Each structure stands twice: as C-alpha cells, then as structure tokens.
Amino acid sequence: MSWDELEAIGETTDSRAVEQKRDDLSRLVLRVFGNEDGQQLLAWMRDMYVDVPIAVPGTDPSHAFFAEGQRNVIRDIEARINQARKL
C-alpha cells in the first residue's frame, strides 16, 4: 500500500475511487517505463540500486537501510508496471 492509498483512507467511502487512482498511477508508470528509453532507464536504475551489495563490511549500518530504501523504489516501479500490464 502506498502513501497515496493510505492518505486516501477516509476521504471517500467508495473504494472504487481509491482503486482507480492506483490503477491510473500504474498505467502512468507503464507509459513512462514501457518504451525502449524507459526500459533502458529502468535497467540502469536496477544496475545502480538493486544489483549491488546492500551492506559493505566496515561501513555504517545506516547505509544498508538507505540502500534497501533505494531498492524498494525500483521494486515498486516494477510492481506497478506488472500491475498495469494485467489491467
């Protein structure tokens, strides 16, 4: 569940509006990352932020938490692309 979805709780009693916002955002992410340029950018982001060691011996543990946050952003983008493809 995203922050937008959490903030939308209580705004309306119609869950269809919340679902529509989520679906619209997923479609937007697919449009941005669905073409060749977007795929290249997403591949670069994955190489930079996901396919790297999360913790390096001798570094402050907070770096691992920061790196995991970066990974989660990329994973969220990929999840939204997959969700939009199923709509």
PDB file of N, CA and C in Angstrom:
ATOM      1  N   MET A   1       0.847  -1.168   0.000  1.00  0.00           N
ATOM      2  CA  MET A   1       0.000   0.000   0.000  1.00  0.00           C
ATOM      3  C   MET A   1       0.897   1.236   0.000  1.00  0.00           C
ATOM      4  N   SER A   2       0.569   2.181  -0.863  1.00  0.00           N
ATOM      5  CA  SER A   2       1.377   3.389  -0.998  1.00  0.00           C
ATOM      6  C   SER A   2       0.884   4.477  -0.041  1.00  0.00           C
ATOM      7  N   TRP A   3       1.672   5.567   0.047  1.00  0.00           N
ATOM      8  CA  TRP A   3       1.257   6.698   0.882  1.00  0.00           C
ATOM      9  C   TRP A   3      -0.027   7.305   0.346  1.00  0.00           C
ATOM     10  N   ASP A   4      -0.138   7.395  -0.985  1.00  0.00           N
ATOM     11  CA  ASP A   4      -1.359   7.950  -1.572  1.00  0.00           C
ATOM     12  C   ASP A   4      -2.583   7.141  -1.154  1.00  0.00           C
ATOM     13  N   GLU A   5      -2.436   5.828  -1.155  1.00  0.00           N
ATOM     14  CA  GLU A   5      -3.547   4.976  -0.757  1.00  0.00           C
ATOM     15  C   GLU A   5      -3.857   5.140   0.727  1.00  0.00           C
ATOM     16  N   LEU A   6      -2.811   5.262   1.551  1.00  0.00           N
ATOM     17  CA  LEU A   6      -3.029   5.476   2.982  1.00  0.00           C
ATOM     18  C   LEU A   6      -3.710   6.816   3.246  1.00  0.00           C
ATOM     19  N   GLU A   7      -3.260   7.854   2.525  1.00  0.00           N
ATOM     20  CA  GLU A   7      -3.857   9.169   2.715  1.00  0.00           C
ATOM     21  C   GLU A   7      -5.290   9.208   2.208  1.00  0.00           C
ATOM     22  N   ALA A   8      -5.612   8.357   1.251  1.00  0.00           N
ATOM     23  CA  ALA A   8      -6.961   8.331   0.694  1.00  0.00           C
ATOM     24  C   ALA A   8      -7.957   7.655   1.627  1.00  0.00           C
ATOM     25  N   ILE A   9      -7.471   6.935   2.616  1.00  0.00           N
ATOM     26  CA  ILE A   9      -8.364   6.272   3.557  1.00  0.00           C
ATOM     27  C   ILE A   9      -9.171   7.330   4.293  1.00  0.00           C
ATOM     28  N   GLY A  10     -10.438   7.177   4.267  1.00  0.00           N
ATOM     29  CA  GLY A  10     -11.314   8.116   4.942  1.00  0.00           C
ATOM     30  C   GLY A  10     -11.771   9.265   4.061  1.00  0.00           C
ATOM     31  N   GLU A  11     -11.143   9.476   2.920  1.00  0.00           N
ATOM     32  CA  GLU A  11     -11.566  10.563   2.040  1.00  0.00           C
ATOM     33  C   GLU A  11     -12.882  10.229   1.347  1.00  0.00           C
ATOM     34  N   THR A  12     -13.061   8.982   1.045  1.00  0.00           N
ATOM     35  CA  THR A  12     -14.273   8.573   0.372  1.00  0.00           C
ATOM     36  C   THR A  12     -14.673   7.192   0.869  1.00  0.00           C
ATOM     37  N   THR A  13     -15.941   6.941   0.842  1.00  0.00           N
ATOM     38  CA  THR A  13     -16.398   5.610   1.225  1.00  0.00           C
ATOM     39  C   THR A  13     -16.426   4.680   0.021  1.00  0.00           C
ATOM     40  N   ASP A  14     -16.186   5.229  -1.147  1.00  0.00           N
ATOM     41  CA  ASP A  14     -16.189   4.438  -2.378  1.00  0.00           C
ATOM     42  C   ASP A  14     -14.786   3.931  -2.659  1.00  0.00           C
ATOM     43  N   SER A  15     -14.557   2.650  -2.425  1.00  0.00           N
ATOM     44  CA  SER A  15     -13.222   2.082  -2.639  1.00  0.00           C
ATOM     45  C   SER A  15     -12.848   2.066  -4.113  1.00  0.00           C
ATOM     46  N   ARG A  16     -13.831   2.187  -5.000  1.00  0.00           N
ATOM     47  CA  ARG A  16     -13.528   2.210  -6.433  1.00  0.00           C
ATOM     48  C   ARG A  16     -12.683   3.427  -6.800  1.00  0.00           C
ATOM     49  N   ALA A  17     -12.890   4.540  -6.123  1.00  0.00           N
ATOM     50  CA  ALA A  17     -12.106   5.745  -6.408  1.00  0.00           C
ATOM     51  C   ALA A  17     -10.638   5.529  -6.044  1.00  0.00           C
ATOM     52  N   VAL A  18     -10.397   4.880  -4.913  1.00  0.00           N
ATOM     53  CA  VAL A  18      -9.022   4.598  -4.496  1.00  0.00           C
ATOM     54  C   VAL A  18      -8.379   3.616  -5.469  1.00  0.00           C
ATOM     55  N   GLU A  19      -9.120   2.591  -5.837  1.00  0.00           N
ATOM     56  CA  GLU A  19      -8.597   1.608  -6.797  1.00  0.00           C
ATOM     57  C   GLU A  19      -8.316   2.261  -8.146  1.00  0.00           C
ATOM     58  N   GLN A  20      -9.188   3.187  -8.559  1.00  0.00           N
ATOM     59  CA  GLN A  20      -8.988   3.872  -9.833  1.00  0.00           C
ATOM     60  C   GLN A  20      -7.714   4.712  -9.802  1.00  0.00           C
ATOM     61  N   LYS A  21      -7.464   5.403  -8.686  1.00  0.00           N
ATOM     62  CA  LYS A  21      -6.236   6.192  -8.569  1.00  0.00           C
ATOM     63  C   LYS A  21      -5.005   5.292  -8.648  1.00  0.00           C
ATOM     64  N   ARG A  22      -5.066   4.135  -7.977  1.00  0.00           N
ATOM     65  CA  ARG A  22      -3.953   3.191  -8.005  1.00  0.00           C
ATOM     66  C   ARG A  22      -3.736   2.664  -9.426  1.00  0.00           C
ATOM     67  N   ASP A  23      -4.829   2.312 -10.096  1.00  0.00           N
ATOM     68  CA  ASP A  23      -4.718   1.807 -11.463  1.00  0.00           C
ATOM     69  C   ASP A  23      -4.191   2.874 -12.410  1.00  0.00           C
ATOM     70  N   ASP A  24      -4.661   4.116 -12.231  1.00  0.00           N
ATOM     71  CA  ASP A  24      -4.179   5.217 -13.084  1.00  0.00           C
ATOM     72  C   ASP A  24      -2.682   5.441 -12.901  1.00  0.00           C
ATOM     73  N   LEU A  25      -2.222   5.381 -11.650  1.00  0.00           N
ATOM     74  CA  LEU A  25      -0.795   5.551 -11.394  1.00  0.00           C
ATOM     75  C   LEU A  25       0.007   4.413 -12.017  1.00  0.00           C
ATOM     76  N   SER A  26      -0.494   3.198 -11.916  1.00  0.00           N
ATOM     77  CA  SER A  26       0.201   2.060 -12.524  1.00  0.00           C
ATOM     78  C   SER A  26       0.287   2.220 -14.037  1.00  0.00           C
ATOM     79  N   ARG A  27      -0.791   2.680 -14.652  1.00  0.00           N
ATOM     80  CA  ARG A  27      -0.774   2.909 -16.101  1.00  0.00           C
ATOM     81  C   ARG A  27       0.233   4.004 -16.475  1.00  0.00           C
ATOM     82  N   LEU A  28       0.299   5.042 -15.658  1.00  0.00           N
ATOM     83  CA  LEU A  28       1.270   6.119 -15.898  1.00  0.00           C
ATOM     84  C   LEU A  28       2.694   5.581 -15.834  1.00  0.00           C
ATOM     85  N   VAL A  29       2.989   4.787 -14.821  1.00  0.00           N
ATOM     86  CA  VAL A  29       4.329   4.206 -14.683  1.00  0.00           C
ATOM     87  C   VAL A  29       4.642   3.330 -15.891  1.00  0.00           C
ATOM     88  N   LEU A  30       3.667   2.565 -16.365  1.00  0.00           N
ATOM     89  CA  LEU A  30       3.878   1.726 -17.547  1.00  0.00           C
ATOM     90  C   LEU A  30       4.147   2.582 -18.777  1.00  0.00           C
ATOM     91  N   ARG A  31       3.423   3.691 -18.932  1.00  0.00           N
ATOM     92  CA  ARG A  31       3.670   4.570 -20.089  1.00  0.00           C
ATOM     93  C   ARG A  31       5.079   5.160 -20.040  1.00  0.00           C
ATOM     94  N   VAL A  32       5.519   5.551 -18.854  1.00  0.00           N
ATOM     95  CA  VAL A  32       6.840   6.163 -18.722  1.00  0.00           C
ATOM     96  C   VAL A  32       7.955   5.144 -18.953  1.00  0.00           C
ATOM     97  N   PHE A  33       7.811   3.968 -18.370  1.00  0.00           N
ATOM     98  CA  PHE A  33       8.872   2.963 -18.443  1.00  0.00           C
ATOM     99  C   PHE A  33       8.599   1.871 -19.477  1.00  0.00           C
ATOM    100  N   GLY A  34       7.491   1.964 -20.211  1.00  0.00           N
ATOM    101  CA  GLY A  34       7.120   0.906 -21.143  1.00  0.00           C
ATOM    102  C   GLY A  34       7.793   0.982 -22.500  1.00  0.00           C
ATOM    103  N   ASN A  35       8.339   2.129 -22.844  1.00  0.00           N
ATOM    104  CA  ASN A  35       9.002   2.224 -24.147  1.00  0.00           C
ATOM    105  C   ASN A  35      10.482   1.858 -24.011  1.00  0.00           C
ATOM    106  N   GLU A  36      11.181   1.883 -25.128  1.00  0.00           N
ATOM    107  CA  GLU A  36      12.590   1.463 -25.125  1.00  0.00           C
ATOM    108  C   GLU A  36      13.452   2.335 -24.212  1.00  0.00           C
ATOM    109  N   ASP A  37      13.253   3.637 -24.263  1.00  0.00           N
ATOM    110  CA  ASP A  37      14.032   4.532 -23.403  1.00  0.00           C
ATOM    111  C   ASP A  37      13.739   4.272 -21.919  1.00  0.00           C
ATOM    112  N   GLY A  38      12.476   4.085 -21.596  1.00  0.00           N
ATOM    113  CA  GLY A  38      12.104   3.809 -20.217  1.00  0.00           C
ATOM    114  C   GLY A  38      12.688   2.497 -19.724  1.00  0.00           C
ATOM    115  N   GLN A  39      12.706   1.498 -20.595  1.00  0.00           N
ATOM    116  CA  GLN A  39      13.281   0.211 -20.219  1.00  0.00           C
ATOM    117  C   GLN A  39      14.789   0.332 -19.980  1.00  0.00           C
ATOM    118  N   GLN A  40      15.456   1.130 -20.812  1.00  0.00           N
ATOM    119  CA  GLN A  40      16.893   1.348 -20.607  1.00  0.00           C
ATOM    120  C   GLN A  40      17.145   2.068 -19.288  1.00  0.00           C
ATOM    121  N   LEU A  41      16.322   3.063 -18.994  1.00  0.00           N
ATOM    122  CA  LEU A  41      16.466   3.790 -17.730  1.00  0.00           C
ATOM    123  C   LEU A  41      16.217   2.870 -16.538  1.00  0.00           C
ATOM    124  N   LEU A  42      15.175   2.051 -16.619  1.00  0.00           N
ATOM    125  CA  LEU A  42      14.871   1.131 -15.534  1.00  0.00           C
ATOM    126  C   LEU A  42      15.987   0.101 -15.355  1.00  0.00           C
ATOM    127  N   ALA A  43      16.556  -0.360 -16.453  1.00  0.00           N
ATOM    128  CA  ALA A  43      17.679  -1.306 -16.366  1.00  0.00           C
ATOM    129  C   ALA A  43      18.871  -0.645 -15.679  1.00  0.00           C
ATOM    130  N   TRP A  44      19.136   0.604 -16.017  1.00  0.00           N
ATOM    131  CA  TRP A  44      20.248   1.334 -15.372  1.00  0.00           C
ATOM    132  C   TRP A  44      19.965   1.500 -13.878  1.00  0.00           C
ATOM    133  N   MET A  45      18.733   1.863 -13.541  1.00  0.00           N
ATOM    134  CA  MET A  45      18.369   2.036 -12.137  1.00  0.00           C
ATOM    135  C   MET A  45      18.523   0.721 -11.375  1.00  0.00           C
ATOM    136  N   ARG A  46      18.134  -0.378 -11.995  1.00  0.00           N
ATOM    137  CA  ARG A  46      18.291  -1.695 -11.358  1.00  0.00           C
ATOM    138  C   ARG A  46      19.773  -2.006 -11.141  1.00  0.00           C
ATOM    139  N   ASP A  47      20.607  -1.719 -12.143  1.00  0.00           N
ATOM    140  CA  ASP A  47      22.048  -1.955 -12.007  1.00  0.00           C
ATOM    141  C   ASP A  47      22.662  -1.101 -10.900  1.00  0.00           C
ATOM    142  N   MET A  48      22.198   0.135 -10.773  1.00  0.00           N
ATOM    143  CA  MET A  48      22.767   1.065  -9.801  1.00  0.00           C
ATOM    144  C   MET A  48      22.288   0.833  -8.374  1.00  0.00           C
ATOM    145  N   TYR A  49      21.028   0.417  -8.229  1.00  0.00           N
ATOM    146  CA  TYR A  49      20.427   0.409  -6.900  1.00  0.00           C
ATOM    147  C   TYR A  49      19.978  -0.953  -6.385  1.00  0.00           C
ATOM    148  N   VAL A  50      19.789  -1.925  -7.274  1.00  0.00           N
ATOM    149  CA  VAL A  50      19.290  -3.229  -6.830  1.00  0.00           C
ATOM    150  C   VAL A  50      20.378  -4.288  -6.901  1.00  0.00           C
ATOM    151  N   ASP A  51      21.071  -4.332  -8.001  1.00  0.00           N
ATOM    152  CA  ASP A  51      22.061  -5.389  -8.228  1.00  0.00           C
ATOM    153  C   ASP A  51      23.434  -5.029  -7.675  1.00  0.00           C
ATOM    154  N   VAL A  52      23.444  -4.500  -6.472  1.00  0.00           N
ATOM    155  CA  VAL A  52      24.688  -4.134  -5.787  1.00  0.00           C
ATOM    156  C   VAL A  52      24.625  -4.660  -4.359  1.00  0.00           C
ATOM    157  N   PRO A  53      25.767  -4.825  -3.723  1.00  0.00           N
ATOM    158  CA  PRO A  53      25.747  -5.279  -2.320  1.00  0.00           C
ATOM    159  C   PRO A  53      24.994  -4.275  -1.453  1.00  0.00           C
ATOM    160  N   ILE A  54      24.194  -4.793  -0.564  1.00  0.00           N
ATOM    161  CA  ILE A  54      23.406  -3.908   0.297  1.00  0.00           C
ATOM    162  C   ILE A  54      24.224  -3.403   1.479  1.00  0.00           C
ATOM    163  N   ALA A  55      25.164  -4.199   1.930  1.00  0.00           N
ATOM    164  CA  ALA A  55      25.997  -3.804   3.065  1.00  0.00           C
ATOM    165  C   ALA A  55      27.446  -4.155   2.750  1.00  0.00           C
ATOM    166  N   VAL A  56      28.316  -3.247   3.065  1.00  0.00           N
ATOM    167  CA  VAL A  56      29.751  -3.446   2.845  1.00  0.00           C
ATOM    168  C   VAL A  56      30.420  -3.474   4.210  1.00  0.00           C
ATOM    169  N   PRO A  57      31.232  -4.482   4.466  1.00  0.00           N
ATOM    170  CA  PRO A  57      31.898  -4.545   5.770  1.00  0.00           C
ATOM    171  C   PRO A  57      32.661  -3.256   6.075  1.00  0.00           C
ATOM    172  N   GLY A  58      32.531  -2.805   7.294  1.00  0.00           N
ATOM    173  CA  GLY A  58      33.247  -1.610   7.725  1.00  0.00           C
ATOM    174  C   GLY A  58      32.482  -0.312   7.545  1.00  0.00           C
ATOM    175  N   THR A  59      31.327  -0.358   6.883  1.00  0.00           N
ATOM    176  CA  THR A  59      30.545   0.871   6.728  1.00  0.00           C
ATOM    177  C   THR A  59      29.483   0.953   7.811  1.00  0.00           C
ATOM    178  N   ASP A  60      28.985   2.134   7.994  1.00  0.00           N
ATOM    179  CA  ASP A  60      27.935   2.369   8.975  1.00  0.00           C
ATOM    180  C   ASP A  60      26.686   1.570   8.588  1.00  0.00           C
ATOM    181  N   PRO A  61      26.029   0.912   9.541  1.00  0.00           N
ATOM    182  CA  PRO A  61      24.824   0.125   9.225  1.00  0.00           C
ATOM    183  C   PRO A  61      23.707   0.943   8.591  1.00  0.00           C
ATOM    184  N   SER A  62      23.689   2.244   8.831  1.00  0.00           N
ATOM    185  CA  SER A  62      22.630   3.066   8.238  1.00  0.00           C
ATOM    186  C   SER A  62      22.693   3.063   6.716  1.00  0.00           C
ATOM    187  N   HIS A  63      23.874   2.814   6.157  1.00  0.00           N
ATOM    188  CA  HIS A  63      23.993   2.734   4.700  1.00  0.00           C
ATOM    189  C   HIS A  63      23.167   1.576   4.146  1.00  0.00           C
ATOM    190  N   ALA A  64      23.083   0.474   4.875  1.00  0.00           N
ATOM    191  CA  ALA A  64      22.286  -0.674   4.438  1.00  0.00           C
ATOM    192  C   ALA A  64      20.800  -0.310   4.413  1.00  0.00           C
ATOM    193  N   PHE A  65      20.345   0.436   5.408  1.00  0.00           N
ATOM    194  CA  PHE A  65      18.943   0.851   5.422  1.00  0.00           C
ATOM    195  C   PHE A  65      18.647   1.783   4.253  1.00  0.00           C
ATOM    196  N   PHE A  66      19.556   2.692   3.974  1.00  0.00           N
ATOM    197  CA  PHE A  66      19.392   3.614   2.851  1.00  0.00           C
ATOM    198  C   PHE A  66      19.349   2.842   1.544  1.00  0.00           C
ATOM    199  N   ALA A  67      20.275   1.891   1.370  1.00  0.00           N
ATOM    200  CA  ALA A  67      20.324   1.091   0.144  1.00  0.00           C
ATOM    201  C   ALA A  67      19.049   0.280  -0.033  1.00  0.00           C
ATOM    202  N   GLU A  68      18.519  -0.244   1.058  1.00  0.00           N
ATOM    203  CA  GLU A  68      17.271  -1.012   0.967  1.00  0.00           C
ATOM    204  C   GLU A  68      16.114  -0.115   0.547  1.00  0.00           C
ATOM    205  N   GLY A  69      16.115   1.123   0.992  1.00  0.00           N
ATOM    206  CA  GLY A  69      15.093   2.077   0.559  1.00  0.00           C
ATOM    207  C   GLY A  69      15.172   2.336  -0.935  1.00  0.00           C
ATOM    208  N   GLN A  70      16.387   2.466  -1.459  1.00  0.00           N
ATOM    209  CA  GLN A  70      16.556   2.650  -2.898  1.00  0.00           C
ATOM    210  C   GLN A  70      16.022   1.439  -3.659  1.00  0.00           C
ATOM    211  N   ARG A  71      16.320   0.263  -3.169  1.00  0.00           N
ATOM    212  CA  ARG A  71      15.831  -0.961  -3.816  1.00  0.00           C
ATOM    213  C   ARG A  71      14.310  -1.003  -3.835  1.00  0.00           C
ATOM    214  N   ASN A  72      13.702  -0.575  -2.739  1.00  0.00           N
ATOM    215  CA  ASN A  72      12.245  -0.618  -2.667  1.00  0.00           C
ATOM    216  C   ASN A  72      11.585   0.299  -3.686  1.00  0.00           C
ATOM    217  N   VAL A  73      12.205   1.426  -3.995  1.00  0.00           N
ATOM    218  CA  VAL A  73      11.650   2.326  -5.003  1.00  0.00           C
ATOM    219  C   VAL A  73      11.627   1.620  -6.359  1.00  0.00           C
ATOM    220  N   ILE A  74      12.725   0.978  -6.722  1.00  0.00           N
ATOM    221  CA  ILE A  74      12.801   0.285  -8.004  1.00  0.00           C
ATOM    222  C   ILE A  74      11.804  -0.871  -8.027  1.00  0.00           C
ATOM    223  N   ARG A  75      11.710  -1.601  -6.948  1.00  0.00           N
ATOM    224  CA  ARG A  75      10.759  -2.715  -6.882  1.00  0.00           C
ATOM    225  C   ARG A  75       9.319  -2.222  -6.990  1.00  0.00           C
ATOM    226  N   ASP A  76       9.018  -1.063  -6.418  1.00  0.00           N
ATOM    227  CA  ASP A  76       7.678  -0.503  -6.516  1.00  0.00           C
ATOM    228  C   ASP A  76       7.363  -0.139  -7.968  1.00  0.00           C
ATOM    229  N   ILE A  77       8.314   0.463  -8.655  1.00  0.00           N
ATOM    230  CA  ILE A  77       8.124   0.794 -10.074  1.00  0.00           C
ATOM    231  C   ILE A  77       7.849  -0.480 -10.872  1.00  0.00           C
ATOM    232  N   GLU A  78       8.648  -1.507 -10.643  1.00  0.00           N
ATOM    233  CA  GLU A  78       8.469  -2.764 -11.376  1.00  0.00           C
ATOM    234  C   GLU A  78       7.127  -3.418 -11.044  1.00  0.00           C
ATOM    235  N   ALA A  79       6.710  -3.350  -9.799  1.00  0.00           N
ATOM    236  CA  ALA A  79       5.425  -3.922  -9.412  1.00  0.00           C
ATOM    237  C   ALA A  79       4.269  -3.182 -10.079  1.00  0.00           C
ATOM    238  N   ARG A  80       4.383  -1.866 -10.163  1.00  0.00           N
ATOM    239  CA  ARG A  80       3.328  -1.082 -10.804  1.00  0.00           C
ATOM    240  C   ARG A  80       3.273  -1.358 -12.305  1.00  0.00           C
ATOM    241  N   ILE A  81       4.437  -1.564 -12.926  1.00  0.00           N
ATOM    242  CA  ILE A  81       4.447  -1.922 -14.356  1.00  0.00           C
ATOM    243  C   ILE A  81       3.732  -3.257 -14.549  1.00  0.00           C
ATOM    244  N   ASN A  82       4.052  -4.229 -13.722  1.00  0.00           N
ATOM    245  CA  ASN A  82       3.412  -5.539 -13.836  1.00  0.00           C
ATOM    246  C   ASN A  82       1.912  -5.455 -13.578  1.00  0.00           C
ATOM    247  N   GLN A  83       1.515  -4.635 -12.610  1.00  0.00           N
ATOM    248  CA  GLN A  83       0.105  -4.480 -12.314  1.00  0.00           C
ATOM    249  C   GLN A  83      -0.628  -3.855 -13.512  1.00  0.00           C
ATOM    250  N   ALA A  84      -0.026  -2.828 -14.116  1.00  0.00           N
ATOM    251  CA  ALA A  84      -0.660  -2.159 -15.251  1.00  0.00           C
ATOM    252  C   ALA A  84      -0.796  -3.098 -16.443  1.00  0.00           C
ATOM    253  N   ARG A  85       0.141  -3.979 -16.635  1.00  0.00           N
ATOM    254  CA  ARG A  85       0.063  -4.932 -17.743  1.00  0.00           C
ATOM    255  C   ARG A  85      -1.080  -5.922 -17.568  1.00  0.00           C
ATOM    256  N   LYS A  86      -1.531  -6.119 -16.329  1.00  0.00           N
ATOM    257  CA  LYS A  86      -2.629  -7.050 -16.053  1.00  0.00           C
ATOM    258  C   LYS A  86      -3.997  -6.365 -16.141  1.00  0.00           C
ATOM    259  N   LEU A  87      -4.012  -5.029 -16.213  1.00  0.00           N
ATOM    260  CA  LEU A  87      -5.299  -4.306 -16.248  1.00  0.00           C
ATOM    261  C   LEU A  87      -5.959  -4.432 -17.597  1.00  0.00           C
TER     262      LEU A  87
END
